[in-house]
Amino acid sequence: MSNRNAAKPRRGIYLLPNLFTTGALFAGFYAIIAAIHGRFEIAAVAIFVAMILDGLDGRVARLTNTQSAFGVEYDSLSDMVSFGVAPALVMYLWAFSSMGKLGLFAAFVHTAGGALRLARFNTQVASADKRYFQGLPSPAAAAILAGFVWINLEHGYNTQAIHYAAIVLTIPTGLLMVSNFRYYSFKDIDFRGKVSFVVAIAVMLGIAFIMAQPHNMLFILFMGYAISGPLLTLVLRRRKRQTRKL
């Protein structure tokens, strides 16, 4: 009898990492609510908050050895809301609602791209190279759109004047999520290890720059990351060709 009870799997979920996931989900949900009420700057900031919490849940799970299949699936559902639906809806209500079918199409491309990317990631997570992501990660794609909204609101640009710029930004981010471009994942960085004093100063200066102009710096950083994918893919392919020749 005791052996039978010992063989049964323990029910329940790990609380700590899933609290971060729930926080990210709420931030994405709040971004949608804020956009519906016309508070687009708050909606953009909420998406960035969701991105930070989403980045923490996986690392907390690995540091505390509390990874689980439930956590992976819950994280994907949270990402779909926070980085697939929320940024697309914010962009639609802010810039696309007066553009008819074109605006609806652009917002849907981003949403569908996020859903397809998450589905592909979940099916390839066991066999994929941990150093790279295939396709632009959905949090980065969402950050580009949120940063674009935040910049325009901060500088008081006329929404009517940037309709097509928003379209040009929204559709490519959706397509990049389902592309075959490789993006560096930063998962091989050991945050628990020691670093030189120069690196510590550089990190602090970087944080200071971001905090001084968050709307500008975050948009520039994630745009640079989006561009890095095609460049990194070209470099990796060139290395493979050179290796084959040798």
Protein backbone atom coordinates (compact mmCIF):
# COMPACT_ATOMS: atom_id res chain seq x y z
CA MET A 1 0.00 0.00 0.00
CA SER A 2 2.80 2.38 0.88
CA ASN A 3 4.60 1.63 -2.39
CA ARG A 4 1.46 2.43 -4.35
CA ASN A 5 1.09 5.77 -2.61
CA ALA A 6 4.76 6.57 -3.18
CA ALA A 7 4.37 5.97 -6.91
CA LYS A 8 1.61 8.55 -7.27
CA PRO A 9 2.79 11.91 -8.67
CA ARG A 10 2.47 14.91 -6.40
CA ARG A 11 -0.31 17.23 -7.40
CA GLY A 12 -0.11 21.00 -7.37
CA ILE A 13 1.95 23.72 -9.01
CA TYR A 14 5.02 25.70 -8.03
CA LEU A 15 3.92 29.02 -6.59
CA LEU A 16 6.90 31.36 -7.04
CA PRO A 17 7.55 31.22 -10.81
CA ASN A 18 3.84 31.13 -11.59
CA LEU A 19 3.32 34.30 -9.54
CA PHE A 20 5.62 36.11 -11.97
CA THR A 21 3.73 34.59 -14.91
CA THR A 22 0.43 35.72 -13.40
CA GLY A 23 1.86 39.21 -12.96
CA ALA A 24 2.88 39.29 -16.62
CA LEU A 25 -0.58 38.09 -17.63
CA PHE A 26 -2.23 40.80 -15.54
CA ALA A 27 0.04 43.48 -17.01
CA GLY A 28 -0.97 42.42 -20.52
CA PHE A 29 -4.63 42.36 -19.54
CA TYR A 30 -4.29 45.80 -17.96
CA ALA A 31 -2.69 47.12 -21.16
CA ILE A 32 -5.80 46.06 -23.07
CA ILE A 33 -8.13 47.72 -20.55
CA ALA A 34 -6.05 50.92 -20.56
CA ALA A 35 -6.11 51.05 -24.38
CA ILE A 36 -9.89 50.61 -24.44
CA HIS A 37 -10.17 53.67 -22.20
CA GLY A 38 -7.76 55.68 -24.34
CA ARG A 39 -4.84 55.60 -21.87
CA PHE A 40 -2.30 54.47 -24.44
CA GLU A 41 0.86 55.56 -22.62
CA ILE A 42 -0.11 53.48 -19.60
CA ALA A 43 -0.93 50.60 -21.95
CA ALA A 44 2.56 50.80 -23.51
CA VAL A 45 4.25 50.87 -20.09
CA ALA A 46 2.15 47.88 -18.97
CA ILE A 47 3.45 45.84 -21.90
CA PHE A 48 7.03 46.60 -20.83
CA VAL A 49 6.16 45.56 -17.27
CA ALA A 50 4.77 42.29 -18.65
CA MET A 51 8.02 41.78 -20.55
CA ILE A 52 10.11 42.22 -17.40
CA LEU A 53 7.97 39.80 -15.39
CA ASP A 54 7.99 37.30 -18.24
CA GLY A 55 11.77 37.40 -18.29
CA LEU A 56 11.91 36.74 -14.56
CA ASP A 57 9.57 33.75 -14.29
CA GLY A 58 11.77 31.38 -16.29
CA ARG A 59 14.97 32.45 -14.55
CA VAL A 60 13.35 32.14 -11.13
CA ALA A 61 12.13 28.64 -12.05
CA ARG A 62 15.65 27.60 -13.12
CA LEU A 63 17.34 29.16 -10.08
CA THR A 64 14.91 27.50 -7.66
CA ASN A 65 14.69 24.25 -9.66
CA THR A 66 10.90 24.62 -9.99
CA GLN A 67 10.49 24.09 -13.74
CA SER A 68 7.36 22.21 -14.77
CA ALA A 69 5.32 21.37 -17.85
CA PHE A 70 2.45 23.36 -16.36
CA GLY A 71 4.69 26.42 -16.03
CA VAL A 72 5.75 26.18 -19.68
CA GLU A 73 2.17 26.01 -20.93
CA TYR A 74 0.97 28.75 -18.58
CA ASP A 75 3.83 30.99 -19.68
CA SER A 76 2.86 30.49 -23.34
CA LEU A 77 -0.77 31.43 -22.68
CA SER A 78 0.36 34.50 -20.76
CA ASP A 79 2.70 35.48 -23.62
CA MET A 80 -0.14 35.18 -26.13
CA VAL A 81 -2.21 37.70 -24.18
CA SER A 82 0.59 40.09 -23.22
CA PHE A 83 2.67 40.04 -26.41
CA GLY A 84 0.27 38.81 -29.08
CA VAL A 85 -3.16 40.28 -28.36
CA ALA A 86 -2.32 43.30 -26.18
CA PRO A 87 0.14 45.14 -28.48
CA ALA A 88 -1.98 44.43 -31.57
CA LEU A 89 -5.09 45.79 -29.86
CA VAL A 90 -3.22 48.83 -28.53
CA MET A 91 -1.95 49.62 -32.03
CA TYR A 92 -5.39 49.10 -33.54
CA LEU A 93 -7.19 51.37 -31.08
CA TRP A 94 -4.43 53.99 -31.19
CA ALA A 95 -3.64 54.20 -34.92
CA PHE A 96 -5.56 51.68 -37.04
CA SER A 97 -9.23 52.02 -36.11
CA SER A 98 -9.83 54.67 -38.79
CA MET A 99 -7.97 52.73 -41.51
CA GLY A 100 -10.63 50.09 -42.08
CA LYS A 101 -9.59 46.65 -43.31
CA LEU A 102 -5.91 47.58 -43.70
CA GLY A 103 -5.63 48.44 -40.01
CA LEU A 104 -7.51 45.30 -39.03
CA PHE A 105 -5.20 43.21 -41.23
CA ALA A 106 -2.03 44.73 -39.74
CA ALA A 107 -3.17 44.12 -36.17
CA PHE A 108 -4.16 40.55 -36.99
CA VAL A 109 -0.79 39.81 -38.64
CA HIS A 110 0.94 40.64 -35.37
CA THR A 111 -1.52 38.56 -33.33
CA ALA A 112 -1.29 35.57 -35.65
CA GLY A 113 2.50 35.86 -35.80
CA GLY A 114 2.67 35.72 -32.02
CA ALA A 115 0.40 32.67 -31.85
CA LEU A 116 2.31 30.78 -34.56
CA ARG A 117 5.66 31.60 -33.01
CA LEU A 118 4.62 30.37 -29.58
CA ALA A 119 3.19 27.16 -31.05
CA ARG A 120 6.40 26.51 -32.98
CA PHE A 121 8.54 27.27 -29.94
CA ASN A 122 6.60 24.80 -27.78
CA THR A 123 6.95 22.00 -30.34
CA GLN A 124 10.70 22.58 -30.81
CA VAL A 125 11.73 23.44 -27.26
CA ALA A 126 13.30 20.01 -26.64
CA SER A 127 15.43 19.93 -29.81
CA ALA A 128 16.21 23.63 -30.42
CA ASP A 129 19.65 25.17 -29.89
CA LYS A 130 19.36 26.99 -26.55
CA ARG A 131 21.75 29.72 -27.69
CA TYR A 132 19.37 31.04 -30.34
CA PHE A 133 15.68 31.71 -30.90
CA GLN A 134 14.11 30.87 -34.23
CA GLY A 135 12.18 33.97 -35.18
CA LEU A 136 11.87 37.24 -33.28
CA PRO A 137 10.71 36.53 -29.70
CA SER A 138 7.18 37.79 -29.08
CA PRO A 139 8.18 40.00 -26.10
CA ALA A 140 10.69 41.85 -28.31
CA ALA A 141 8.10 42.28 -31.08
CA ALA A 142 5.61 43.65 -28.55
CA ALA A 143 8.25 45.97 -27.09
CA ILE A 144 8.86 47.52 -30.52
CA LEU A 145 5.18 48.37 -30.94
CA ALA A 146 4.79 49.58 -27.35
CA GLY A 147 7.94 51.68 -27.67
CA PHE A 148 6.67 53.23 -30.90
CA VAL A 149 3.39 54.21 -29.24
CA TRP A 150 5.20 55.57 -26.19
CA ILE A 151 7.62 57.70 -28.27
CA ASN A 152 4.83 59.25 -30.33
CA LEU A 153 2.76 60.09 -27.27
CA GLU A 154 5.78 61.47 -25.40
CA HIS A 155 6.67 63.82 -28.27
CA GLY A 156 3.07 64.68 -29.10
CA TYR A 157 3.14 63.54 -32.72
CA ASN A 158 -0.11 63.58 -34.66
CA THR A 159 -1.51 60.07 -34.86
CA GLN A 160 -2.99 60.74 -38.29
CA ALA A 161 0.48 61.51 -39.65
CA ILE A 162 2.07 58.21 -38.60
CA HIS A 163 -0.66 55.76 -39.68
CA TYR A 164 1.39 54.15 -42.41
CA ALA A 165 4.60 54.19 -40.37
CA ALA A 166 2.72 52.17 -37.76
CA ILE A 167 1.53 49.76 -40.47
CA VAL A 168 5.08 49.34 -41.78
CA LEU A 169 6.25 48.57 -38.25
CA THR A 170 3.43 46.25 -37.19
CA ILE A 171 3.30 43.86 -40.15
CA PRO A 172 7.08 43.16 -40.28
CA THR A 173 7.22 42.42 -36.53
CA GLY A 174 4.48 39.85 -37.01
CA LEU A 175 6.32 38.28 -39.94
CA LEU A 176 9.69 38.30 -38.15
CA MET A 177 8.17 36.23 -35.34
CA VAL A 178 7.46 33.38 -37.77
CA SER A 179 10.65 33.82 -39.81
CA ASN A 180 13.63 31.45 -39.75
CA PHE A 181 16.05 34.17 -38.65
CA ARG A 182 18.17 33.29 -35.62
CA TYR A 183 18.22 35.61 -32.62
CA TYR A 184 20.67 35.36 -29.75
CA SER A 185 18.81 34.10 -26.66
CA PHE A 186 21.24 35.29 -23.91
CA LYS A 187 20.48 32.03 -22.08
CA ASP A 188 24.12 31.05 -21.86
CA ILE A 189 24.99 34.12 -19.78
CA ASP A 190 25.76 33.17 -16.18
CA PHE A 191 24.15 35.88 -14.03
CA ARG A 192 25.44 34.19 -10.88
CA GLY A 193 29.08 34.35 -11.97
CA LYS A 194 31.59 37.11 -11.27
CA VAL A 195 32.27 39.89 -13.77
CA SER A 196 34.99 42.50 -14.06
CA PHE A 197 34.59 45.97 -12.58
CA VAL A 198 34.47 47.47 -16.08
CA VAL A 199 31.49 45.27 -17.02
CA ALA A 200 29.67 46.29 -13.83
CA ILE A 201 30.20 49.98 -14.65
CA ALA A 202 29.01 49.43 -18.23
CA VAL A 203 25.83 47.73 -16.98
CA MET A 204 25.10 50.57 -14.56
CA LEU A 205 25.66 53.18 -17.28
CA GLY A 206 23.37 51.27 -19.61
CA ILE A 207 20.62 51.19 -17.00
CA ALA A 208 21.11 54.92 -16.37
CA PHE A 209 20.75 55.70 -20.09
CA ILE A 210 17.56 53.65 -20.28
CA MET A 211 16.05 55.24 -17.18
CA ALA A 212 16.87 58.75 -18.46
CA GLN A 213 14.98 58.27 -21.75
CA PRO A 214 13.07 54.97 -21.44
CA HIS A 215 10.72 55.56 -24.37
CA ASN A 216 13.57 56.31 -26.78
CA MET A 217 16.17 53.87 -25.49
CA LEU A 218 13.86 50.85 -25.21
CA PHE A 219 12.56 51.37 -28.74
CA ILE A 220 16.09 51.71 -30.13
CA LEU A 221 17.33 48.64 -28.23
CA PHE A 222 14.56 46.36 -29.42
CA MET A 223 14.68 47.69 -32.97
CA GLY A 224 18.39 46.90 -32.95
CA TYR A 225 17.63 43.41 -31.65
CA ALA A 226 15.05 42.87 -34.42
CA ILE A 227 17.63 43.89 -37.04
CA SER A 228 20.28 41.66 -35.46
CA GLY A 229 18.39 38.50 -36.45
CA PRO A 230 18.90 38.69 -40.23
CA LEU A 231 22.52 39.79 -39.70
CA LEU A 232 23.25 36.94 -37.27
CA THR A 233 21.65 34.43 -39.64
CA LEU A 234 23.86 35.60 -42.51
CA VAL A 235 26.98 35.29 -40.33
CA LEU A 236 26.04 31.77 -39.19
CA ARG A 237 25.32 30.63 -42.74
CA ARG A 238 28.63 32.03 -43.96
CA ARG A 239 30.46 30.15 -41.21
CA LYS A 240 28.74 26.89 -42.19
CA ARG A 241 29.76 27.35 -45.82
CA GLN A 242 33.37 28.02 -44.83
CA THR A 243 33.37 24.94 -42.58
CA ARG A 244 32.08 22.73 -45.38
CA LYS A 245 34.79 23.98 -47.74
CA LEU A 246 37.45 23.08 -45.20
